[in-house]
């Protein structure tokens, strides 16, 4: 995952351009025709989530969090690092130097996902020590993964074909053909030790893709899984010129990645716009290539991380705004991560330290958890509107589901926002329900502080916190002559349903 210097530069982030206007906001008036034409609105933002590394998925708290997020987002895929890490035990060599394979933990890992109705994005990483060209090429993360290129591509080929064949034999080709196989993680930075980086990664990709297709042409393989949306044109040109299989493009980008890293420029691009600007850039690069119809999987992203913002109500509006902007350009937008069972810097010492997930240490639901639950209720047909603060959808029963938000960035001081909706094409007095996540709804931080901010909350305390923050029954009202006025405090996210 691309987090180079992410914490070290957090103070500098305050000087970077942010998006939300924080002066007093004039009321916004929006007119919506419920009977107008729509466009498909697949829930691309909740199809896939990231998590730390493979071995963590064997823990019960990981699986409990997986099930909890599945309840609010119904995600289909999870991606994690290090299925080939020595702690998983896949690769060894006997006294004569011959390969020895052991897929016992691999089976437990993938069995656990499938039992919970989640499929893997098989990120093929990192290098087993005995297969590494440099056994000491260890990354700085706490779990010290080896980022070396292989000492032998022939041995790598053998590992890949045995690995893929084992999965097909165990789960069946009809199942495994629905998975994604992603070659490595962020090879353009310090997660890949090959020299030169791009050339040696392309060589690894070529071998891996052909190995997987040798097992079955139905297996889906892609890359380059780069940090900061890098290498895409070069990768596409290389695979096309050398007739290397590629079924999807994957890359990463975060709201607090620099403009220079994402775009190679010094433009003033607000942080809240950077992910979708990068998505659009990569989509354009794919469209201009020899394989313009390849899906784009954005296999890591997250919102601005300064001031522990990822634990706050800010995430909901930032997520909604990203969904609004990225719609139509990406097949899957994989939030990093679904929970805080996460050890890149070592075991997390206490809840609410600004980690990436929707669920904090101990199983405590963050505001982002409830925000995903609200956006999950949007319909799958989108109705265009002129507002930057709304997503309007038609539901399967012919009603409307509308997300509305008031986005205020970390370290800014926003004001409340009024949105006046005028709705046509529905009864003038239609029933309306409203759910919200804001400072007073779904926000665990004041509840946790009132509890005394326990470093290691007990199971009973976790149950209490989640009970106190649960959203409960939606508020009910009616349209008044086809109109509805919404009041949104800073960083409020609302889900409004209008009955048909």
Protein backbone atom coordinates (compact mmCIF):
# COMPACT_ATOMS: atom_id res chain seq x y z
CA UNK A 1 0.00 0.00 0.00
CA UNK A 2 1.22 3.49 -0.90
CA UNK A 3 1.81 5.34 2.36
CA UNK A 4 5.33 6.69 1.89
CA UNK A 5 5.88 9.55 4.32
CA UNK A 6 2.10 9.79 4.74
CA UNK A 7 2.30 10.53 8.44
CA UNK A 8 5.54 12.50 8.26
CA UNK A 9 4.04 15.06 5.92
CA UNK A 10 0.68 15.39 7.67
CA UNK A 11 1.56 18.85 8.92
CA UNK A 12 2.39 19.96 5.40
CA UNK A 13 -1.01 18.84 4.18
CA UNK A 14 -2.61 21.81 5.88
CA UNK A 15 -1.02 24.05 3.28
CA UNK A 16 -2.32 22.04 0.34
CA UNK A 17 -5.52 22.98 -1.51
CA UNK A 18 -8.69 21.59 0.02
CA UNK A 19 -12.12 21.57 -1.48
CA UNK A 20 -14.92 22.71 0.76
CA UNK A 21 -15.95 26.34 1.00
CA UNK A 22 -16.08 27.06 4.70
CA UNK A 23 -17.75 30.47 4.70
CA UNK A 24 -21.48 30.86 5.35
CA UNK A 25 -23.34 28.90 2.70
CA UNK A 26 -26.38 30.21 0.87
CA UNK A 27 -29.31 27.79 0.60
CA UNK A 28 -29.14 25.53 -2.42
CA UNK A 29 -32.26 24.86 -4.49
CA UNK A 30 -32.43 21.67 -6.56
CA UNK A 31 -35.25 20.50 -8.83
CA UNK A 32 -35.58 16.77 -9.57
CA UNK A 33 -37.83 15.01 -12.07
CA UNK A 34 -38.36 11.49 -10.81
CA UNK A 35 -39.67 10.34 -14.20
CA UNK A 36 -36.77 11.55 -16.32
CA UNK A 37 -34.31 9.22 -18.03
CA UNK A 38 -31.68 7.45 -15.92
CA UNK A 39 -28.24 5.95 -16.36
CA UNK A 40 -27.04 2.66 -14.80
CA UNK A 41 -25.53 3.15 -11.37
CA UNK A 42 -23.70 -0.02 -10.29
CA UNK A 43 -22.47 0.20 -6.72
CA UNK A 44 -18.81 0.23 -7.71
CA UNK A 45 -17.67 1.77 -4.41
CA UNK A 46 -18.82 -1.18 -2.29
CA UNK A 47 -17.95 -4.16 -4.49
CA UNK A 48 -14.42 -4.52 -3.12
CA UNK A 49 -12.51 -3.64 0.07
CA UNK A 50 -8.88 -3.89 1.07
CA UNK A 51 -7.39 -5.31 4.24
CA UNK A 52 -3.91 -5.66 5.66
CA UNK A 53 -2.27 -8.99 4.86
CA UNK A 54 -3.38 -12.56 4.26
CA UNK A 55 -2.57 -14.17 7.62
CA UNK A 56 -4.75 -11.66 9.49
CA UNK A 57 -7.84 -13.17 7.87
CA UNK A 58 -7.44 -16.25 10.07
CA UNK A 59 -8.23 -14.19 13.18
CA UNK A 60 -11.73 -14.24 14.58
CA UNK A 61 -11.85 -10.47 15.06
CA UNK A 62 -11.01 -10.02 11.36
CA UNK A 63 -13.83 -12.37 10.37
CA UNK A 64 -16.28 -10.71 12.77
CA UNK A 65 -15.49 -7.34 11.21
CA UNK A 66 -15.78 -8.85 7.73
CA UNK A 67 -19.28 -10.04 8.53
CA UNK A 68 -20.22 -6.70 10.06
CA UNK A 69 -19.15 -4.75 6.97
CA UNK A 70 -20.85 -7.31 4.75
CA UNK A 71 -24.11 -6.44 6.51
CA UNK A 72 -23.94 -2.76 5.54
CA UNK A 73 -22.10 -2.88 2.21
CA UNK A 74 -22.65 -6.42 0.89
CA UNK A 75 -19.20 -6.35 -0.68
CA UNK A 76 -18.15 -9.17 -3.00
CA UNK A 77 -14.34 -9.09 -2.93
CA UNK A 78 -11.53 -8.45 -0.46
CA UNK A 79 -7.92 -7.77 -1.35
CA UNK A 80 -4.94 -8.23 0.94
CA UNK A 81 -1.17 -8.46 0.66
CA UNK A 82 1.30 -11.27 1.23
CA UNK A 83 -0.35 -14.58 0.36
CA UNK A 84 3.20 -15.79 -0.39
CA UNK A 85 4.76 -14.44 2.82
CA UNK A 86 6.73 -17.08 4.73
CA UNK A 87 4.22 -16.86 7.60
CA UNK A 88 1.68 -18.47 5.24
CA UNK A 89 4.16 -21.27 4.54
CA UNK A 90 3.52 -21.73 0.82
CA UNK A 91 7.10 -22.20 -0.40
CA UNK A 92 10.06 -24.08 1.03
CA UNK A 93 12.97 -26.13 -0.30
CA UNK A 94 14.20 -29.53 0.81
CA UNK A 95 17.78 -30.43 1.67
CA UNK A 96 18.54 -30.83 -2.04
CA UNK A 97 17.14 -27.43 -2.96
CA UNK A 98 13.97 -28.79 -4.56
CA UNK A 99 10.73 -26.82 -4.15
CA UNK A 100 8.26 -27.92 -1.47
CA UNK A 101 4.74 -26.46 -1.56
CA UNK A 102 2.28 -26.28 1.31
CA UNK A 103 -1.15 -24.74 0.75
CA UNK A 104 -2.67 -25.53 4.16
CA UNK A 105 -2.95 -21.92 5.33
CA UNK A 106 -3.91 -20.75 1.85
CA UNK A 107 -6.89 -23.08 2.05
CA UNK A 108 -7.88 -21.82 5.51
CA UNK A 109 -7.60 -18.22 4.32
CA UNK A 110 -9.74 -18.63 1.20
CA UNK A 111 -12.16 -21.08 2.85
CA UNK A 112 -12.85 -18.44 5.50
CA UNK A 113 -13.60 -15.77 2.91
CA UNK A 114 -15.88 -17.96 0.84
CA UNK A 115 -17.75 -19.17 3.91
CA UNK A 116 -18.61 -15.52 4.53
CA UNK A 117 -19.66 -15.01 0.89
CA UNK A 118 -16.65 -12.87 -0.02
CA UNK A 119 -14.25 -13.74 -2.82
CA UNK A 120 -10.55 -12.91 -2.96
CA UNK A 121 -8.61 -10.53 -5.10
CA UNK A 122 -5.49 -12.67 -5.14
CA UNK A 123 -2.67 -10.17 -4.85
CA UNK A 124 0.37 -12.28 -5.76
CA UNK A 125 2.94 -11.08 -3.25
CA UNK A 126 5.49 -11.05 -1.60
CA UNK A 127 8.60 -13.16 -2.27
CA UNK A 128 9.21 -16.30 -0.20
CA UNK A 129 12.65 -15.99 1.38
CA UNK A 130 14.05 -19.16 -0.19
CA UNK A 131 12.88 -18.04 -3.63
CA UNK A 132 14.27 -14.52 -3.27
CA UNK A 133 17.25 -13.24 -5.23
CA UNK A 134 18.04 -11.20 -2.10
CA UNK A 135 16.71 -12.91 1.05
CA UNK A 136 17.52 -9.76 3.05
CA UNK A 137 15.51 -7.35 0.88
CA UNK A 138 12.91 -6.71 3.56
CA UNK A 139 10.40 -3.88 3.60
CA UNK A 140 10.18 -1.54 6.58
CA UNK A 141 6.68 -2.67 7.57
CA UNK A 142 6.35 -4.48 10.89
CA UNK A 143 5.78 -7.86 9.22
CA UNK A 144 8.95 -7.47 7.13
CA UNK A 145 7.81 -8.81 3.79
CA UNK A 146 10.48 -9.66 1.24
CA UNK A 147 10.27 -7.45 -1.87
CA UNK A 148 13.04 -9.08 -3.88
CA UNK A 149 12.69 -10.38 -7.40
CA UNK A 150 12.90 -14.18 -7.65
CA UNK A 151 16.27 -15.91 -7.86
CA UNK A 152 14.87 -18.02 -10.69
CA UNK A 153 11.97 -17.24 -12.98
CA UNK A 154 11.68 -20.95 -13.73
CA UNK A 155 11.14 -21.62 -10.03
CA UNK A 156 8.64 -18.75 -9.96
CA UNK A 157 6.77 -20.26 -12.93
CA UNK A 158 6.59 -23.58 -11.14
CA UNK A 159 5.24 -21.94 -7.98
CA UNK A 160 2.61 -20.02 -9.92
CA UNK A 161 1.33 -23.03 -11.84
CA UNK A 162 1.20 -25.18 -8.70
CA UNK A 163 -0.55 -22.39 -6.78
CA UNK A 164 -3.17 -21.78 -9.47
CA UNK A 165 -3.74 -25.48 -10.14
CA UNK A 166 -4.27 -26.10 -6.45
CA UNK A 167 -6.92 -23.38 -6.28
CA UNK A 168 -8.72 -24.75 -9.34
CA UNK A 169 -8.56 -28.30 -7.98
CA UNK A 170 -9.93 -27.22 -4.59
CA UNK A 171 -12.59 -24.70 -5.55
CA UNK A 172 -13.37 -25.56 -9.17
CA UNK A 173 -12.70 -23.50 -12.26
CA UNK A 174 -16.21 -22.00 -12.28
CA UNK A 175 -15.50 -20.45 -8.88
CA UNK A 176 -11.88 -19.41 -9.35
CA UNK A 177 -12.69 -17.87 -12.73
CA UNK A 178 -14.73 -15.27 -10.81
CA UNK A 179 -11.66 -14.20 -8.78
CA UNK A 180 -9.10 -11.58 -9.76
CA UNK A 181 -5.36 -12.33 -9.81
CA UNK A 182 -3.34 -9.14 -9.38
CA UNK A 183 0.42 -9.35 -9.89
CA UNK A 184 2.29 -7.80 -6.94
CA UNK A 185 1.66 -4.55 -5.07
CA UNK A 186 2.97 -1.11 -6.01
CA UNK A 187 6.10 -2.22 -7.87
CA UNK A 188 6.93 1.39 -8.80
CA UNK A 189 7.97 2.16 -5.21
CA UNK A 190 9.71 0.30 -2.40
CA UNK A 191 7.45 -2.76 -2.47
CA UNK A 192 9.49 -4.14 -5.38
CA UNK A 193 13.25 -4.54 -5.27
CA UNK A 194 13.88 -5.45 -8.88
CA UNK A 195 16.41 -3.31 -10.77
CA UNK A 196 15.40 -1.53 -12.89
CA UNK A 197 11.97 -1.57 -11.33
CA UNK A 198 9.71 -1.31 -14.38
CA UNK A 199 11.64 -3.71 -16.59
CA UNK A 200 11.92 -6.40 -13.93
CA UNK A 201 8.28 -6.02 -12.90
CA UNK A 202 7.10 -6.35 -16.49
CA UNK A 203 9.14 -9.54 -16.73
CA UNK A 204 7.54 -10.87 -13.53
CA UNK A 205 4.09 -9.92 -14.83
CA UNK A 206 4.68 -11.63 -18.19
CA UNK A 207 5.68 -14.89 -16.56
CA UNK A 208 2.89 -14.81 -13.98
CA UNK A 209 0.14 -14.01 -16.47
CA UNK A 210 1.22 -16.76 -18.83
CA UNK A 211 1.57 -19.23 -15.96
CA UNK A 212 -1.99 -18.58 -14.81
CA UNK A 213 -3.39 -18.83 -18.32
CA UNK A 214 -1.54 -22.10 -18.75
CA UNK A 215 -3.56 -23.50 -15.87
CA UNK A 216 -6.78 -22.10 -17.35
CA UNK A 217 -7.45 -19.33 -19.87
CA UNK A 218 -10.47 -18.44 -17.73
CA UNK A 219 -8.36 -17.13 -14.85
CA UNK A 220 -8.44 -13.32 -14.75
CA UNK A 221 -5.07 -11.63 -14.36
CA UNK A 222 -4.05 -7.98 -14.33
CA UNK A 223 -1.81 -5.24 -13.00
CA UNK A 224 0.34 -3.23 -12.65
CA UNK A 225 -1.10 -2.42 -9.17
CA UNK A 226 1.02 0.71 -9.03
CA UNK A 227 1.04 3.50 -6.48
CA UNK A 228 -0.21 6.93 -7.57
CA UNK A 229 -1.71 5.79 -10.89
CA UNK A 230 1.72 5.22 -12.45
CA UNK A 231 3.00 3.18 -15.41
CA UNK A 232 -0.39 2.52 -17.08
CA UNK A 233 0.49 3.60 -20.67
CA UNK A 234 3.83 1.78 -20.51
CA UNK A 235 2.19 -1.34 -19.12
CA UNK A 236 -0.54 -1.37 -21.77
CA UNK A 237 1.97 -0.79 -24.57
CA UNK A 238 4.20 -3.56 -23.23
CA UNK A 239 1.44 -6.16 -22.88
CA UNK A 240 0.03 -5.35 -26.32
CA UNK A 241 3.41 -5.43 -28.08
CA UNK A 242 4.39 -8.72 -26.45
CA UNK A 243 0.95 -10.38 -26.57
CA UNK A 244 0.88 -10.80 -22.79
CA UNK A 245 -2.51 -11.64 -21.28
CA UNK A 246 -4.21 -8.87 -19.33
CA UNK A 247 -7.85 -8.98 -18.21
CA UNK A 248 -8.03 -5.80 -16.13
CA UNK A 249 -6.00 -2.77 -15.16
CA UNK A 250 -5.38 -2.05 -11.49
CA UNK A 251 -3.73 0.88 -9.78
CA UNK A 252 -3.98 3.04 -6.65
CA UNK A 253 -4.47 6.64 -5.65
CA UNK A 254 -5.31 8.43 -2.41
CA UNK A 255 -6.88 11.81 -1.74
CA UNK A 256 -3.69 12.94 -0.01
CA UNK A 257 -1.29 11.72 -2.68
CA UNK A 258 0.53 14.69 -4.15
CA UNK A 259 -0.50 16.22 -7.46
CA UNK A 260 3.04 15.71 -8.70
CA UNK A 261 2.90 11.98 -7.92
CA UNK A 262 -0.56 11.48 -9.44
CA UNK A 263 -0.33 13.75 -12.46
CA UNK A 264 3.27 14.87 -12.85
CA UNK A 265 2.21 18.52 -12.62
CA UNK A 266 2.04 21.31 -10.07
CA UNK A 267 -1.64 22.17 -10.60
CA UNK A 268 -3.87 23.23 -7.74
CA UNK A 269 -6.15 20.19 -7.53
CA UNK A 270 -8.18 19.96 -4.31
CA UNK A 271 -7.51 16.79 -2.36
CA UNK A 272 -11.15 15.73 -2.49
CA UNK A 273 -10.96 15.75 -6.31
CA UNK A 274 -7.66 13.97 -6.77
CA UNK A 275 -8.78 10.35 -6.67
CA UNK A 276 -11.45 10.78 -9.36
CA UNK A 277 -9.24 13.02 -11.47
CA UNK A 278 -6.67 10.22 -11.39
CA UNK A 279 -9.36 7.62 -12.16
CA UNK A 280 -10.46 9.65 -15.18
CA UNK A 281 -6.83 10.00 -16.30
CA UNK A 282 -6.27 6.24 -16.18
CA UNK A 283 -9.61 5.50 -17.82
CA UNK A 284 -8.53 7.77 -20.67
CA UNK A 285 -5.20 5.98 -20.94
CA UNK A 286 -6.96 2.63 -21.20
CA UNK A 287 -9.41 4.00 -23.77
CA UNK A 288 -6.52 5.26 -25.90
CA UNK A 289 -4.68 1.91 -25.79
CA UNK A 290 -4.84 -1.18 -27.98
CA UNK A 291 -7.16 -2.75 -25.37
CA UNK A 292 -9.69 0.01 -24.69
CA UNK A 293 -12.37 -2.16 -23.10
CA UNK A 294 -10.35 -3.43 -20.14
CA UNK A 295 -12.04 -2.93 -16.74
CA UNK A 296 -10.36 -0.58 -14.29
CA UNK A 297 -10.04 -1.79 -10.69
CA UNK A 298 -8.88 0.95 -8.33
CA UNK A 299 -7.59 -1.49 -5.74
CA UNK A 300 -6.61 1.06 -3.08
CA UNK A 301 -7.98 4.47 -2.14
CA UNK A 302 -9.00 6.45 0.92
CA UNK A 303 -9.98 9.97 1.91
CA UNK A 304 -7.76 12.66 3.43
CA UNK A 305 -6.02 11.30 6.51
CA UNK A 306 -4.86 14.37 8.41
CA UNK A 307 -5.93 14.99 12.00
CA UNK A 308 -7.28 11.42 12.34
CA UNK A 309 -10.03 12.40 9.89
CA UNK A 310 -10.67 8.78 8.90
CA UNK A 311 -12.22 8.18 12.32
CA UNK A 312 -14.67 11.07 11.97
CA UNK A 313 -17.92 11.99 10.25
CA UNK A 314 -15.86 13.59 7.46
CA UNK A 315 -15.50 10.21 5.72
CA UNK A 316 -19.19 9.93 4.78
CA UNK A 317 -19.44 13.14 2.73
CA UNK A 318 -15.98 12.57 1.27
CA UNK A 319 -17.00 9.07 0.21
CA UNK A 320 -20.28 10.28 -1.28
CA UNK A 321 -18.54 13.05 -3.19
CA UNK A 322 -15.99 10.56 -4.55
CA UNK A 323 -18.78 8.25 -5.68
CA UNK A 324 -20.45 11.20 -7.44
CA UNK A 325 -17.25 12.14 -9.27
CA UNK A 326 -15.96 8.66 -10.17
CA UNK A 327 -19.24 7.24 -11.47
CA UNK A 328 -18.85 5.82 -14.97
CA UNK A 329 -15.05 5.62 -15.01
CA UNK A 330 -14.23 2.67 -12.76
CA UNK A 331 -15.46 -0.89 -12.28
CA UNK A 332 -14.46 -1.16 -8.62
CA UNK A 333 -13.25 1.44 -6.14
CA UNK A 334 -11.68 -0.53 -3.30
CA UNK A 335 -11.61 1.34 0.01
CA UNK A 336 -8.45 0.66 2.00
CA UNK A 337 -9.41 -0.91 4.47
CA UNK A 338 -12.62 -2.48 5.72
CA UNK A 339 -11.36 -2.59 9.33
CA UNK A 340 -8.45 -1.79 11.63
CA UNK A 341 -7.17 -5.34 12.09
CA UNK A 342 -4.02 -4.00 10.53
CA UNK A 343 -0.34 -4.27 11.43
CA UNK A 344 1.84 -2.39 8.98
CA UNK A 345 3.24 -0.34 11.87
CA UNK A 346 2.79 -3.10 14.42
CA UNK A 347 -0.23 -3.99 16.57
CA UNK A 348 -2.60 -1.05 16.94
CA UNK A 349 -2.32 0.13 20.53
CA UNK A 350 -5.74 1.74 20.97
CA UNK A 351 -8.86 2.69 19.01
CA UNK A 352 -9.16 5.86 16.96
CA UNK A 353 -5.61 6.64 15.90
CA UNK A 354 -6.58 7.61 12.37
CA UNK A 355 -6.34 4.15 10.84
CA UNK A 356 -7.92 3.34 7.50
CA UNK A 357 -10.86 1.06 8.30
CA UNK A 358 -14.59 1.33 8.93
CA UNK A 359 -14.33 -0.57 12.23
CA UNK A 360 -11.88 0.41 14.97
CA UNK A 361 -9.85 -1.83 17.25
CA UNK A 362 -12.11 -4.12 19.25
CA UNK A 363 -14.95 -4.06 16.73
CA UNK A 364 -16.16 -0.49 17.30
CA UNK A 365 -18.17 0.95 14.40
CA UNK A 366 -16.84 4.25 13.09
CA UNK A 367 -19.03 6.88 11.39
CA UNK A 368 -17.71 5.58 8.05
CA UNK A 369 -19.30 2.20 8.78
CA UNK A 370 -22.72 3.81 9.00
CA UNK A 371 -22.01 6.03 5.99
CA UNK A 372 -21.45 2.96 3.84
CA UNK A 373 -24.75 1.61 5.16
CA UNK A 374 -26.56 4.74 3.98
CA UNK A 375 -25.02 4.75 0.50
CA UNK A 376 -25.76 1.05 0.11
CA UNK A 377 -29.44 1.97 0.02
CA UNK A 378 -29.09 4.05 -3.15
CA UNK A 379 -30.82 2.66 -6.23
CA UNK A 380 -29.08 1.26 -9.28
CA UNK A 381 -30.38 3.90 -11.72
CA UNK A 382 -29.01 7.44 -11.41
CA UNK A 383 -30.92 10.62 -12.21
CA UNK A 384 -28.70 13.50 -13.25
CA UNK A 385 -28.82 16.71 -11.21
CA UNK A 386 -26.79 19.89 -11.14
CA UNK A 387 -25.78 19.78 -7.47
CA UNK A 388 -22.34 18.77 -6.22
CA UNK A 389 -23.93 17.77 -2.93
CA UNK A 390 -26.46 15.19 -4.11
CA UNK A 391 -26.71 11.77 -5.72
CA UNK A 392 -30.25 11.05 -6.90
CA UNK A 393 -31.26 7.48 -7.80
CA UNK A 394 -34.39 5.57 -8.69
CA UNK A 395 -35.06 2.47 -6.62
CA UNK A 396 -36.39 -0.87 -7.81
CA UNK A 397 -39.88 -0.05 -6.49
CA UNK A 398 -40.05 3.19 -8.48
CA UNK A 399 -39.26 5.53 -5.60
CA UNK A 400 -36.25 7.76 -5.07
CA UNK A 401 -33.18 7.30 -2.88
CA UNK A 402 -31.13 10.48 -2.50
CA UNK A 403 -27.79 11.02 -0.79
CA UNK A 404 -27.15 14.58 0.39
CA UNK A 405 -24.07 15.87 2.19
CA UNK A 406 -22.22 18.90 3.49
CA UNK A 407 -18.51 18.28 2.98
CA UNK A 408 -16.05 20.19 5.16
CA UNK A 409 -12.40 19.16 5.07
CA UNK A 410 -10.22 18.41 8.10
CA UNK A 411 -8.94 21.48 9.93
CA UNK A 412 -11.63 23.64 8.30
CA UNK A 413 -14.61 25.21 10.07
CA UNK A 414 -17.74 24.84 8.03
CA UNK A 415 -21.27 26.05 8.45
CA UNK A 416 -24.60 24.34 8.11
CA UNK A 417 -26.09 23.93 4.65
CA UNK A 418 -29.74 24.15 3.64
CA UNK A 419 -30.88 22.27 0.53
CA UNK A 420 -34.37 22.94 -0.82
CA UNK A 421 -35.59 20.07 -2.98
CA UNK A 422 -38.45 20.34 -5.46
CA UNK A 423 -39.57 16.92 -6.68
CA UNK A 424 -41.71 16.23 -9.73
CA UNK A 425 -43.04 12.90 -10.89
CA UNK A 426 -43.95 11.70 -7.39
CA UNK A 427 -47.05 12.44 -5.29
CA UNK A 428 -46.95 15.98 -3.95
CA UNK A 429 -47.40 14.63 -0.41
CA UNK A 430 -45.30 11.46 -0.82
CA UNK A 431 -43.98 9.74 2.29
CA UNK A 432 -40.32 10.45 3.03
CA UNK A 433 -37.84 8.76 5.36
CA UNK A 434 -34.51 10.31 6.38
CA UNK A 435 -31.45 8.74 7.96
CA UNK A 436 -28.32 10.68 8.79
CA UNK A 437 -24.74 10.30 9.95
CA UNK A 438 -23.44 13.47 11.56
CA UNK A 439 -21.94 14.66 14.82
CA UNK A 440 -25.06 13.48 16.70
CA UNK A 441 -25.92 10.33 14.73
CA UNK A 442 -23.64 7.35 14.14
CA UNK A 443 -20.68 9.21 15.65
CA UNK A 444 -18.89 7.10 18.22
CA UNK A 445 -16.12 9.55 19.16
CA UNK A 446 -18.06 11.52 21.83
CA UNK A 447 -19.45 8.27 23.23
CA UNK A 448 -15.94 6.82 23.46
CA UNK A 449 -14.65 9.98 25.15
CA UNK A 450 -17.51 9.90 27.65
CA UNK A 451 -16.56 6.32 28.45
CA UNK A 452 -13.08 7.51 29.39
CA UNK A 453 -11.37 6.55 26.10
CA UNK A 454 -10.35 3.04 27.19
CA UNK A 455 -7.18 1.82 25.51
CA UNK A 456 -8.44 -1.77 25.48
CA UNK A 457 -12.23 -1.62 25.51
CA UNK A 458 -13.93 -4.69 26.92
CA UNK A 459 -16.40 -6.65 24.81
CA UNK A 460 -19.18 -5.18 26.93
CA UNK A 461 -17.96 -1.65 26.25
CA UNK A 462 -17.80 -2.35 22.51
CA UNK A 463 -21.38 -3.63 22.55
CA UNK A 464 -22.45 -0.51 24.44
CA UNK A 465 -20.71 1.85 21.99
CA UNK A 466 -22.18 0.14 18.94
CA UNK A 467 -25.64 0.11 20.52
CA UNK A 468 -25.43 3.83 21.34
CA UNK A 469 -24.37 4.75 17.79
CA UNK A 470 -26.71 2.49 15.82
CA UNK A 471 -28.81 4.60 13.47
CA UNK A 472 -32.17 3.20 14.45
CA UNK A 473 -35.49 3.77 12.71
CA UNK A 474 -35.43 6.44 9.98
CA UNK A 475 -37.26 9.68 10.67
CA UNK A 476 -40.54 10.00 8.76
CA UNK A 477 -42.09 13.02 7.09
CA UNK A 478 -43.90 13.95 3.87
CA UNK A 479 -43.33 16.20 0.93
CA UNK A 480 -45.13 19.50 1.21
CA UNK A 481 -46.50 20.35 -2.24
CA UNK A 482 -43.62 18.41 -3.75
CA UNK A 483 -40.99 20.19 -1.66
CA UNK A 484 -38.58 19.11 1.04
CA UNK A 485 -36.06 21.22 2.98
CA UNK A 486 -32.93 19.55 4.32
CA UNK A 487 -30.70 20.99 7.03
CA UNK A 488 -27.18 19.58 7.04
CA UNK A 489 -24.61 20.33 9.71
CA UNK A 490 -20.92 20.25 8.73
CA UNK A 491 -19.98 16.79 7.45
CA UNK A 492 -23.53 15.46 7.66
CA UNK A 493 -24.52 12.70 5.25
CA UNK A 494 -28.24 12.07 4.72
CA UNK A 495 -30.08 9.26 2.95
CA UNK A 496 -33.56 10.37 1.87
CA UNK A 497 -36.09 7.89 0.50
CA UNK A 498 -39.20 9.12 -1.29
CA UNK A 499 -41.93 6.54 -1.66
CA UNK A 500 -43.42 6.04 -5.15
